[in-house]
């Protein structure tokens, strides 16, 4: 079966390894301890095992959105199967030049209180019927997504990690899934969802047409193969046609839209 990893991170190994040892933010943000720098040595090997990947910059506070986007641009220019997903925050002319259809927003760089500073990026995606990959841990995150949907009605939103929080509380995930289960502009990805019951619940509620498979490599990475990350999907009660949608067809539809 073909597969597209819709959520992997790309960055410079030496820089990341140094930051993970020296950053004063290691205790403040869990993502510092969950990032496996050594896995980054296998970055290109992992990518080569996928038909396509949506490549996202490594998320660390010390790496600016500008530098992260620059590194991703240089890296992806040599990899035909990497679809770059740049951070929100660059001048929209950069996105236009790259024909970007997907942008990434993460709470560590993008505070919901500064949302107006990102309106140009949202308007760009809105005009393109593009996609915003969103990871927000704000307490008003449901209201935040509703705000984006109201003001940018043509912009699609991919909610990372099925909307879970760091402790994988079911109620936290349940809230956002049920709120947007009927909104055809809202997608979810499966990255880091290891609880099979939660995964099955999300798929039963949303269906298979708006769920993308993703690994979050190299965060919480215990293996360097996509076979490890999508193993849980094969333990669910899914038809082969449903698996094909989640593992490949849904993300391919987005990828083809980018190049059209």
C-alpha atoms as a PDB file:
ATOM      1  CA  UNK A   1       0.000   0.000   0.000  1.00  0.00           C
ATOM      2  CA  UNK A   2       1.176   3.543  -0.710  1.00  0.00           C
ATOM      3  CA  UNK A   3       1.537   5.955   2.165  1.00  0.00           C
ATOM      4  CA  UNK A   4       2.178   9.638   2.779  1.00  0.00           C
ATOM      5  CA  UNK A   5       3.431  10.866   6.128  1.00  0.00           C
ATOM      6  CA  UNK A   6       1.620  14.159   6.612  1.00  0.00           C
ATOM      7  CA  UNK A   7       3.517  15.234   9.726  1.00  0.00           C
ATOM      8  CA  UNK A   8       7.294  14.914   9.945  1.00  0.00           C
ATOM      9  CA  UNK A   9       9.814  17.506  11.128  1.00  0.00           C
ATOM     10  CA  UNK A  10      12.997  18.505   9.330  1.00  0.00           C
ATOM     11  CA  UNK A  11      15.956  20.321  10.841  1.00  0.00           C
ATOM     12  CA  UNK A  12      19.705  20.562  11.297  1.00  0.00           C
ATOM     13  CA  UNK A  13      21.027  17.750  13.499  1.00  0.00           C
ATOM     14  CA  UNK A  14      23.997  19.607  14.984  1.00  0.00           C
ATOM     15  CA  UNK A  15      21.990  22.697  15.887  1.00  0.00           C
ATOM     16  CA  UNK A  16      19.149  20.712  17.416  1.00  0.00           C
ATOM     17  CA  UNK A  17      21.477  18.462  19.414  1.00  0.00           C
ATOM     18  CA  UNK A  18      23.231  21.499  20.871  1.00  0.00           C
ATOM     19  CA  UNK A  19      19.974  23.223  21.822  1.00  0.00           C
ATOM     20  CA  UNK A  20      18.593  20.123  23.511  1.00  0.00           C
ATOM     21  CA  UNK A  21      21.641  20.114  25.798  1.00  0.00           C
ATOM     22  CA  UNK A  22      21.837  23.822  26.579  1.00  0.00           C
ATOM     23  CA  UNK A  23      18.375  25.345  26.289  1.00  0.00           C
ATOM     24  CA  UNK A  24      16.910  26.763  29.532  1.00  0.00           C
ATOM     25  CA  UNK A  25      13.483  25.866  28.129  1.00  0.00           C
ATOM     26  CA  UNK A  26      14.022  22.118  28.431  1.00  0.00           C
ATOM     27  CA  UNK A  27      11.890  21.910  31.573  1.00  0.00           C
ATOM     28  CA  UNK A  28       9.252  24.376  30.390  1.00  0.00           C
ATOM     29  CA  UNK A  29       8.321  22.657  27.123  1.00  0.00           C
ATOM     30  CA  UNK A  30       7.809  18.912  26.916  1.00  0.00           C
ATOM     31  CA  UNK A  31       8.649  18.919  23.207  1.00  0.00           C
ATOM     32  CA  UNK A  32      12.324  19.455  24.096  1.00  0.00           C
ATOM     33  CA  UNK A  33      12.478  16.128  25.911  1.00  0.00           C
ATOM     34  CA  UNK A  34      10.318  14.354  23.339  1.00  0.00           C
ATOM     35  CA  UNK A  35      12.548  15.347  20.419  1.00  0.00           C
ATOM     36  CA  UNK A  36      14.985  12.588  19.501  1.00  0.00           C
ATOM     37  CA  UNK A  37      18.007  14.309  17.964  1.00  0.00           C
ATOM     38  CA  UNK A  38      19.709  11.022  17.124  1.00  0.00           C
ATOM     39  CA  UNK A  39      16.734  10.008  14.984  1.00  0.00           C
ATOM     40  CA  UNK A  40      17.493  12.992  12.779  1.00  0.00           C
ATOM     41  CA  UNK A  41      20.536  11.116  11.466  1.00  0.00           C
ATOM     42  CA  UNK A  42      18.034   8.794   9.786  1.00  0.00           C
ATOM     43  CA  UNK A  43      15.922  11.655   8.438  1.00  0.00           C
ATOM     44  CA  UNK A  44      16.688  11.023   4.777  1.00  0.00           C
ATOM     45  CA  UNK A  45      16.341   7.245   5.175  1.00  0.00           C
ATOM     46  CA  UNK A  46      12.923   7.683   6.730  1.00  0.00           C
ATOM     47  CA  UNK A  47      11.782  10.066   4.009  1.00  0.00           C
ATOM     48  CA  UNK A  48      12.922   7.687   1.273  1.00  0.00           C
ATOM     49  CA  UNK A  49      10.566   5.009   2.632  1.00  0.00           C
ATOM     50  CA  UNK A  50       7.489   7.196   2.041  1.00  0.00           C
ATOM     51  CA  UNK A  51       5.842   8.087  -1.250  1.00  0.00           C
ATOM     52  CA  UNK A  52       5.624  11.672  -0.027  1.00  0.00           C
ATOM     53  CA  UNK A  53       6.041  13.502   3.255  1.00  0.00           C
ATOM     54  CA  UNK A  54       4.710  16.837   4.434  1.00  0.00           C
ATOM     55  CA  UNK A  55       7.944  18.313   5.775  1.00  0.00           C
ATOM     56  CA  UNK A  56       7.571  20.693   8.724  1.00  0.00           C
ATOM     57  CA  UNK A  57      10.412  22.604  10.417  1.00  0.00           C
ATOM     58  CA  UNK A  58      11.693  21.385  13.778  1.00  0.00           C
ATOM     59  CA  UNK A  59       9.815  23.256  16.502  1.00  0.00           C
ATOM     60  CA  UNK A  60      12.151  24.797  19.059  1.00  0.00           C
ATOM     61  CA  UNK A  61      11.777  28.277  20.515  1.00  0.00           C
ATOM     62  CA  UNK A  62      15.373  29.290  19.749  1.00  0.00           C
ATOM     63  CA  UNK A  63      15.028  28.514  16.031  1.00  0.00           C
ATOM     64  CA  UNK A  64      13.172  31.441  14.456  1.00  0.00           C
ATOM     65  CA  UNK A  65      10.416  30.883  11.947  1.00  0.00           C
ATOM     66  CA  UNK A  66      12.582  32.623   9.339  1.00  0.00           C
ATOM     67  CA  UNK A  67      15.580  30.337   9.896  1.00  0.00           C
ATOM     68  CA  UNK A  68      13.375  27.259  10.091  1.00  0.00           C
ATOM     69  CA  UNK A  69      11.695  28.117   6.788  1.00  0.00           C
ATOM     70  CA  UNK A  70      15.041  28.835   5.154  1.00  0.00           C
ATOM     71  CA  UNK A  71      16.434  25.456   6.195  1.00  0.00           C
ATOM     72  CA  UNK A  72      13.308  23.649   4.988  1.00  0.00           C
ATOM     73  CA  UNK A  73      13.454  25.447   1.640  1.00  0.00           C
ATOM     74  CA  UNK A  74      17.055  24.378   1.074  1.00  0.00           C
ATOM     75  CA  UNK A  75      16.420  20.809   2.225  1.00  0.00           C
ATOM     76  CA  UNK A  76      13.263  20.245   0.181  1.00  0.00           C
ATOM     77  CA  UNK A  77      14.775  21.660  -3.006  1.00  0.00           C
ATOM     78  CA  UNK A  78      16.782  18.411  -3.308  1.00  0.00           C
ATOM     79  CA  UNK A  79      13.978  16.026  -2.315  1.00  0.00           C
ATOM     80  CA  UNK A  80      11.173  15.516  -4.825  1.00  0.00           C
ATOM     81  CA  UNK A  81       8.946  13.675  -2.365  1.00  0.00           C
ATOM     82  CA  UNK A  82       9.106  16.377   0.343  1.00  0.00           C
ATOM     83  CA  UNK A  83       6.185  18.808   0.308  1.00  0.00           C
ATOM     84  CA  UNK A  84       7.381  21.748   2.448  1.00  0.00           C
ATOM     85  CA  UNK A  85       4.980  23.037   5.083  1.00  0.00           C
ATOM     86  CA  UNK A  86       6.440  26.395   6.076  1.00  0.00           C
ATOM     87  CA  UNK A  87       5.785  28.216   9.324  1.00  0.00           C
ATOM     88  CA  UNK A  88       3.263  31.030   9.286  1.00  0.00           C
ATOM     89  CA  UNK A  89       5.039  34.366   9.598  1.00  0.00           C
ATOM     90  CA  UNK A  90       6.963  34.906   6.382  1.00  0.00           C
ATOM     91  CA  UNK A  91       6.008  37.533   3.845  1.00  0.00           C
ATOM     92  CA  UNK A  92       3.236  36.102   1.665  1.00  0.00           C
ATOM     93  CA  UNK A  93       5.387  36.711  -1.404  1.00  0.00           C
ATOM     94  CA  UNK A  94       7.583  33.867  -0.115  1.00  0.00           C
ATOM     95  CA  UNK A  95       4.604  31.497  -0.034  1.00  0.00           C
ATOM     96  CA  UNK A  96       3.521  32.645  -3.479  1.00  0.00           C
ATOM     97  CA  UNK A  97       6.981  32.038  -4.901  1.00  0.00           C
ATOM     98  CA  UNK A  98       7.000  28.502  -3.442  1.00  0.00           C
ATOM     99  CA  UNK A  99       3.367  27.849  -4.460  1.00  0.00           C
ATOM    100  CA  UNK A 100       2.665  26.833  -0.879  1.00  0.00           C
ATOM    101  CA  UNK A 101      -0.764  25.409  -0.162  1.00  0.00           C
ATOM    102  CA  UNK A 102      -0.067  24.291   3.415  1.00  0.00           C
ATOM    103  CA  UNK A 103       1.353  26.354   6.282  1.00  0.00           C
ATOM    104  CA  UNK A 104       2.110  25.396   9.872  1.00  0.00           C
ATOM    105  CA  UNK A 105       1.176  27.192  13.076  1.00  0.00           C
ATOM    106  CA  UNK A 106       2.502  26.058  16.453  1.00  0.00           C
ATOM    107  CA  UNK A 107       1.808  27.474  19.899  1.00  0.00           C
ATOM    108  CA  UNK A 108       5.504  27.780  20.735  1.00  0.00           C
ATOM    109  CA  UNK A 109       5.930  30.396  17.984  1.00  0.00           C
ATOM    110  CA  UNK A 110       2.396  31.679  17.467  1.00  0.00           C
ATOM    111  CA  UNK A 111       0.497  33.018  20.462  1.00  0.00           C
ATOM    112  CA  UNK A 112      -3.256  33.223  19.931  1.00  0.00           C
ATOM    113  CA  UNK A 113      -3.147  36.745  21.393  1.00  0.00           C
ATOM    114  CA  UNK A 114      -1.092  37.861  18.378  1.00  0.00           C
ATOM    115  CA  UNK A 115      -3.468  36.356  15.856  1.00  0.00           C
ATOM    116  CA  UNK A 116      -3.962  39.631  13.947  1.00  0.00           C
ATOM    117  CA  UNK A 117      -0.271  39.594  13.039  1.00  0.00           C
ATOM    118  CA  UNK A 118      -0.950  36.425  11.057  1.00  0.00           C
ATOM    119  CA  UNK A 119      -3.934  37.658   9.083  1.00  0.00           C
ATOM    120  CA  UNK A 120      -1.898  38.066   5.872  1.00  0.00           C
ATOM    121  CA  UNK A 121      -0.965  34.387   5.983  1.00  0.00           C
ATOM    122  CA  UNK A 122      -4.558  33.339   6.643  1.00  0.00           C
ATOM    123  CA  UNK A 123      -5.853  35.528   3.837  1.00  0.00           C
ATOM    124  CA  UNK A 124      -3.304  33.983   1.492  1.00  0.00           C
ATOM    125  CA  UNK A 125      -4.525  30.476   2.389  1.00  0.00           C
ATOM    126  CA  UNK A 126      -8.142  31.589   2.207  1.00  0.00           C
ATOM    127  CA  UNK A 127      -7.677  32.829  -1.338  1.00  0.00           C
ATOM    128  CA  UNK A 128      -5.975  29.570  -2.349  1.00  0.00           C
ATOM    129  CA  UNK A 129      -8.417  27.259  -0.543  1.00  0.00           C
ATOM    130  CA  UNK A 130      -5.245  26.205   1.243  1.00  0.00           C
ATOM    131  CA  UNK A 131      -4.550  24.394   4.503  1.00  0.00           C
ATOM    132  CA  UNK A 132      -3.345  25.481   7.929  1.00  0.00           C
ATOM    133  CA  UNK A 133      -1.757  22.724  10.013  1.00  0.00           C
ATOM    134  CA  UNK A 134      -2.563  23.840  13.531  1.00  0.00           C
ATOM    135  CA  UNK A 135      -1.110  22.810  16.882  1.00  0.00           C
ATOM    136  CA  UNK A 136      -2.545  24.972  19.617  1.00  0.00           C
ATOM    137  CA  UNK A 137      -2.653  24.201  23.323  1.00  0.00           C
ATOM    138  CA  UNK A 138      -4.528  27.377  24.219  1.00  0.00           C
ATOM    139  CA  UNK A 139      -7.405  26.922  26.650  1.00  0.00           C
ATOM    140  CA  UNK A 140      -9.707  28.594  24.124  1.00  0.00           C
ATOM    141  CA  UNK A 141      -8.565  26.457  21.207  1.00  0.00           C
ATOM    142  CA  UNK A 142     -12.076  25.460  20.095  1.00  0.00           C
ATOM    143  CA  UNK A 143     -13.122  29.111  20.085  1.00  0.00           C
ATOM    144  CA  UNK A 144      -9.886  29.928  18.254  1.00  0.00           C
ATOM    145  CA  UNK A 145     -10.614  27.460  15.449  1.00  0.00           C
ATOM    146  CA  UNK A 146     -14.179  28.761  15.259  1.00  0.00           C
ATOM    147  CA  UNK A 147     -12.786  32.294  14.935  1.00  0.00           C
ATOM    148  CA  UNK A 148     -10.548  31.229  12.055  1.00  0.00           C
ATOM    149  CA  UNK A 149     -13.402  29.415  10.321  1.00  0.00           C
ATOM    150  CA  UNK A 150     -15.679  32.454  10.606  1.00  0.00           C
ATOM    151  CA  UNK A 151     -13.112  34.952   9.296  1.00  0.00           C
ATOM    152  CA  UNK A 152     -11.400  32.762   6.701  1.00  0.00           C
ATOM    153  CA  UNK A 153     -14.150  30.453   5.456  1.00  0.00           C
ATOM    154  CA  UNK A 154     -12.207  29.000   2.510  1.00  0.00           C
ATOM    155  CA  UNK A 155      -9.135  28.096   4.563  1.00  0.00           C
ATOM    156  CA  UNK A 156      -9.007  24.442   5.556  1.00  0.00           C
ATOM    157  CA  UNK A 157      -7.557  23.523   8.943  1.00  0.00           C
ATOM    158  CA  UNK A 158      -5.687  20.327   9.809  1.00  0.00           C
ATOM    159  CA  UNK A 159      -5.720  19.859  13.579  1.00  0.00           C
ATOM    160  CA  UNK A 160      -2.562  18.042  14.598  1.00  0.00           C
ATOM    161  CA  UNK A 161      -2.545  14.988  16.889  1.00  0.00           C
ATOM    162  CA  UNK A 162      -6.341  14.674  16.655  1.00  0.00           C
ATOM    163  CA  UNK A 163      -6.519  17.604  19.044  1.00  0.00           C
ATOM    164  CA  UNK A 164      -5.039  15.757  22.015  1.00  0.00           C
ATOM    165  CA  UNK A 165      -3.159  17.473  24.829  1.00  0.00           C
ATOM    166  CA  UNK A 166       0.148  16.389  26.352  1.00  0.00           C
ATOM    167  CA  UNK A 167      -1.503  14.036  28.844  1.00  0.00           C
ATOM    168  CA  UNK A 168      -3.753  12.449  26.210  1.00  0.00           C
ATOM    169  CA  UNK A 169      -6.886  13.253  28.185  1.00  0.00           C
ATOM    170  CA  UNK A 170      -9.831  11.821  26.292  1.00  0.00           C
ATOM    171  CA  UNK A 171     -12.136  14.699  27.234  1.00  0.00           C
ATOM    172  CA  UNK A 172      -9.720  17.230  25.740  1.00  0.00           C
ATOM    173  CA  UNK A 173      -9.603  15.381  22.428  1.00  0.00           C
ATOM    174  CA  UNK A 174     -13.330  14.571  22.515  1.00  0.00           C
ATOM    175  CA  UNK A 175     -14.255  18.254  22.812  1.00  0.00           C
ATOM    176  CA  UNK A 176     -12.588  19.403  19.604  1.00  0.00           C
ATOM    177  CA  UNK A 177     -13.515  16.276  17.630  1.00  0.00           C
ATOM    178  CA  UNK A 178     -17.207  16.569  18.422  1.00  0.00           C
ATOM    179  CA  UNK A 179     -17.261  20.330  17.805  1.00  0.00           C
ATOM    180  CA  UNK A 180     -15.935  20.016  14.250  1.00  0.00           C
ATOM    181  CA  UNK A 181     -17.031  16.526  13.251  1.00  0.00           C
ATOM    182  CA  UNK A 182     -19.410  17.844  10.563  1.00  0.00           C
ATOM    183  CA  UNK A 183     -17.208  20.671   9.257  1.00  0.00           C
ATOM    184  CA  UNK A 184     -15.794  19.566   5.897  1.00  0.00           C
ATOM    185  CA  UNK A 185     -13.049  22.195   6.137  1.00  0.00           C
ATOM    186  CA  UNK A 186     -11.600  20.637   9.303  1.00  0.00           C
ATOM    187  CA  UNK A 187      -9.183  17.718   9.058  1.00  0.00           C
ATOM    188  CA  UNK A 188      -7.306  15.805  11.743  1.00  0.00           C
ATOM    189  CA  UNK A 189      -4.016  13.932  11.697  1.00  0.00           C
ATOM    190  CA  UNK A 190      -3.152  10.816  13.691  1.00  0.00           C
ATOM    191  CA  UNK A 191       0.380  11.762  14.733  1.00  0.00           C
ATOM    192  CA  UNK A 192       1.391  10.542  18.226  1.00  0.00           C
ATOM    193  CA  UNK A 193      -1.987   8.920  18.924  1.00  0.00           C
ATOM    194  CA  UNK A 194      -0.849   5.620  20.426  1.00  0.00           C
ATOM    195  CA  UNK A 195      -4.084   4.752  22.233  1.00  0.00           C
ATOM    196  CA  UNK A 196      -5.949   2.488  19.826  1.00  0.00           C
ATOM    197  CA  UNK A 197      -9.303   3.220  21.475  1.00  0.00           C
ATOM    198  CA  UNK A 198      -8.823   6.969  20.959  1.00  0.00           C
ATOM    199  CA  UNK A 199      -7.776   6.395  17.366  1.00  0.00           C
ATOM    200  CA  UNK A 200     -10.814   4.242  16.671  1.00  0.00           C
ATOM    201  CA  UNK A 201     -13.109   6.755  18.352  1.00  0.00           C
ATOM    202  CA  UNK A 202     -11.792   9.620  16.237  1.00  0.00           C
ATOM    203  CA  UNK A 203     -12.140   7.691  12.994  1.00  0.00           C
ATOM    204  CA  UNK A 204     -15.644   6.498  13.880  1.00  0.00           C
ATOM    205  CA  UNK A 205     -16.699  10.070  14.634  1.00  0.00           C
ATOM    206  CA  UNK A 206     -15.030  11.913  11.732  1.00  0.00           C
ATOM    207  CA  UNK A 207     -15.030   9.201   9.084  1.00  0.00           C
ATOM    208  CA  UNK A 208     -12.074   8.350   6.862  1.00  0.00           C
ATOM    209  CA  UNK A 209     -12.170  11.222   4.367  1.00  0.00           C
ATOM    210  CA  UNK A 210     -10.773  13.952   6.655  1.00  0.00           C
ATOM    211  CA  UNK A 211      -8.108  12.069   8.600  1.00  0.00           C
ATOM    212  CA  UNK A 212      -4.445  12.072   7.603  1.00  0.00           C
ATOM    213  CA  UNK A 213      -1.821   9.664   8.841  1.00  0.00           C
ATOM    214  CA  UNK A 214       1.272  11.253  10.378  1.00  0.00           C
ATOM    215  CA  UNK A 215       4.167  10.226  12.591  1.00  0.00           C
ATOM    216  CA  UNK A 216       5.561  13.465  14.116  1.00  0.00           C
ATOM    217  CA  UNK A 217       9.031  12.037  13.386  1.00  0.00           C
ATOM    218  CA  UNK A 218      11.499  12.577  15.086  1.00  0.00           C
ATOM    219  CA  UNK A 219       9.478  13.580  18.169  1.00  0.00           C
ATOM    220  CA  UNK A 220       8.838  10.650  20.513  1.00  0.00           C
ATOM    221  CA  UNK A 221      10.653   8.528  17.964  1.00  0.00           C
ATOM    222  CA  UNK A 222      11.406   4.953  18.980  1.00  0.00           C
ATOM    223  CA  UNK A 223      11.874   3.619  15.454  1.00  0.00           C
ATOM    224  CA  UNK A 224      13.075   4.928  12.122  1.00  0.00           C
ATOM    225  CA  UNK A 225      10.539   3.269   9.848  1.00  0.00           C
ATOM    226  CA  UNK A 226       7.012   4.360   8.858  1.00  0.00           C
ATOM    227  CA  UNK A 227       5.916   0.752   9.390  1.00  0.00           C
ATOM    228  CA  UNK A 228       6.255   1.335  13.133  1.00  0.00           C
ATOM    229  CA  UNK A 229       4.125   4.455  13.131  1.00  0.00           C
ATOM    230  CA  UNK A 230       1.174   3.196  11.136  1.00  0.00           C
ATOM    231  CA  UNK A 231       1.027  -0.175  12.878  1.00  0.00           C
ATOM    232  CA  UNK A 232      -1.887   0.848  15.100  1.00  0.00           C
ATOM    233  CA  UNK A 233      -4.078   1.574  12.091  1.00  0.00           C
ATOM    234  CA  UNK A 234      -3.850  -2.068  11.064  1.00  0.00           C
ATOM    235  CA  UNK A 235      -5.158  -3.096  14.477  1.00  0.00           C
ATOM    236  CA  UNK A 236      -8.397  -1.211  13.902  1.00  0.00           C
ATOM    237  CA  UNK A 237     -11.599  -2.450  12.314  1.00  0.00           C
ATOM    238  CA  UNK A 238     -11.014  -0.732   8.957  1.00  0.00           C
ATOM    239  CA  UNK A 239     -11.557  -1.790   5.373  1.00  0.00           C
ATOM    240  CA  UNK A 240      -8.559  -1.707   3.042  1.00  0.00           C
ATOM    241  CA  UNK A 241     -10.233   1.154   1.148  1.00  0.00           C
ATOM    242  CA  UNK A 242     -10.532   3.129   4.399  1.00  0.00           C
ATOM    243  CA  UNK A 243      -6.892   2.491   5.262  1.00  0.00           C
ATOM    244  CA  UNK A 244      -5.889   3.665   1.798  1.00  0.00           C
ATOM    245  CA  UNK A 245      -7.689   6.961   2.336  1.00  0.00           C
ATOM    246  CA  UNK A 246      -6.017   7.645   5.690  1.00  0.00           C
ATOM    247  CA  UNK A 247      -2.555   6.458   4.716  1.00  0.00           C
ATOM    248  CA  UNK A 248      -2.427   7.923   1.226  1.00  0.00           C
ATOM    249  CA  UNK A 249      -5.392   9.251  -0.713  1.00  0.00           C
ATOM    250  CA  UNK A 250      -6.455  12.085   1.607  1.00  0.00           C
ATOM    251  CA  UNK A 251      -2.955  13.552   1.781  1.00  0.00           C
ATOM    252  CA  UNK A 252      -2.439  12.973  -1.947  1.00  0.00           C
ATOM    253  CA  UNK A 253      -5.529  15.077  -2.663  1.00  0.00           C
ATOM    254  CA  UNK A 254      -3.912  17.946  -0.760  1.00  0.00           C
ATOM    255  CA  UNK A 255      -0.517  17.391  -2.365  1.00  0.00           C
ATOM    256  CA  UNK A 256      -1.942  17.449  -5.889  1.00  0.00           C
ATOM    257  CA  UNK A 257      -3.854  20.619  -5.118  1.00  0.00           C
ATOM    258  CA  UNK A 258      -0.584  22.313  -4.272  1.00  0.00           C
ATOM    259  CA  UNK A 259       0.903  21.630  -7.697  1.00  0.00           C
ATOM    260  CA  UNK A 260      -2.191  22.492  -9.736  1.00  0.00           C
END
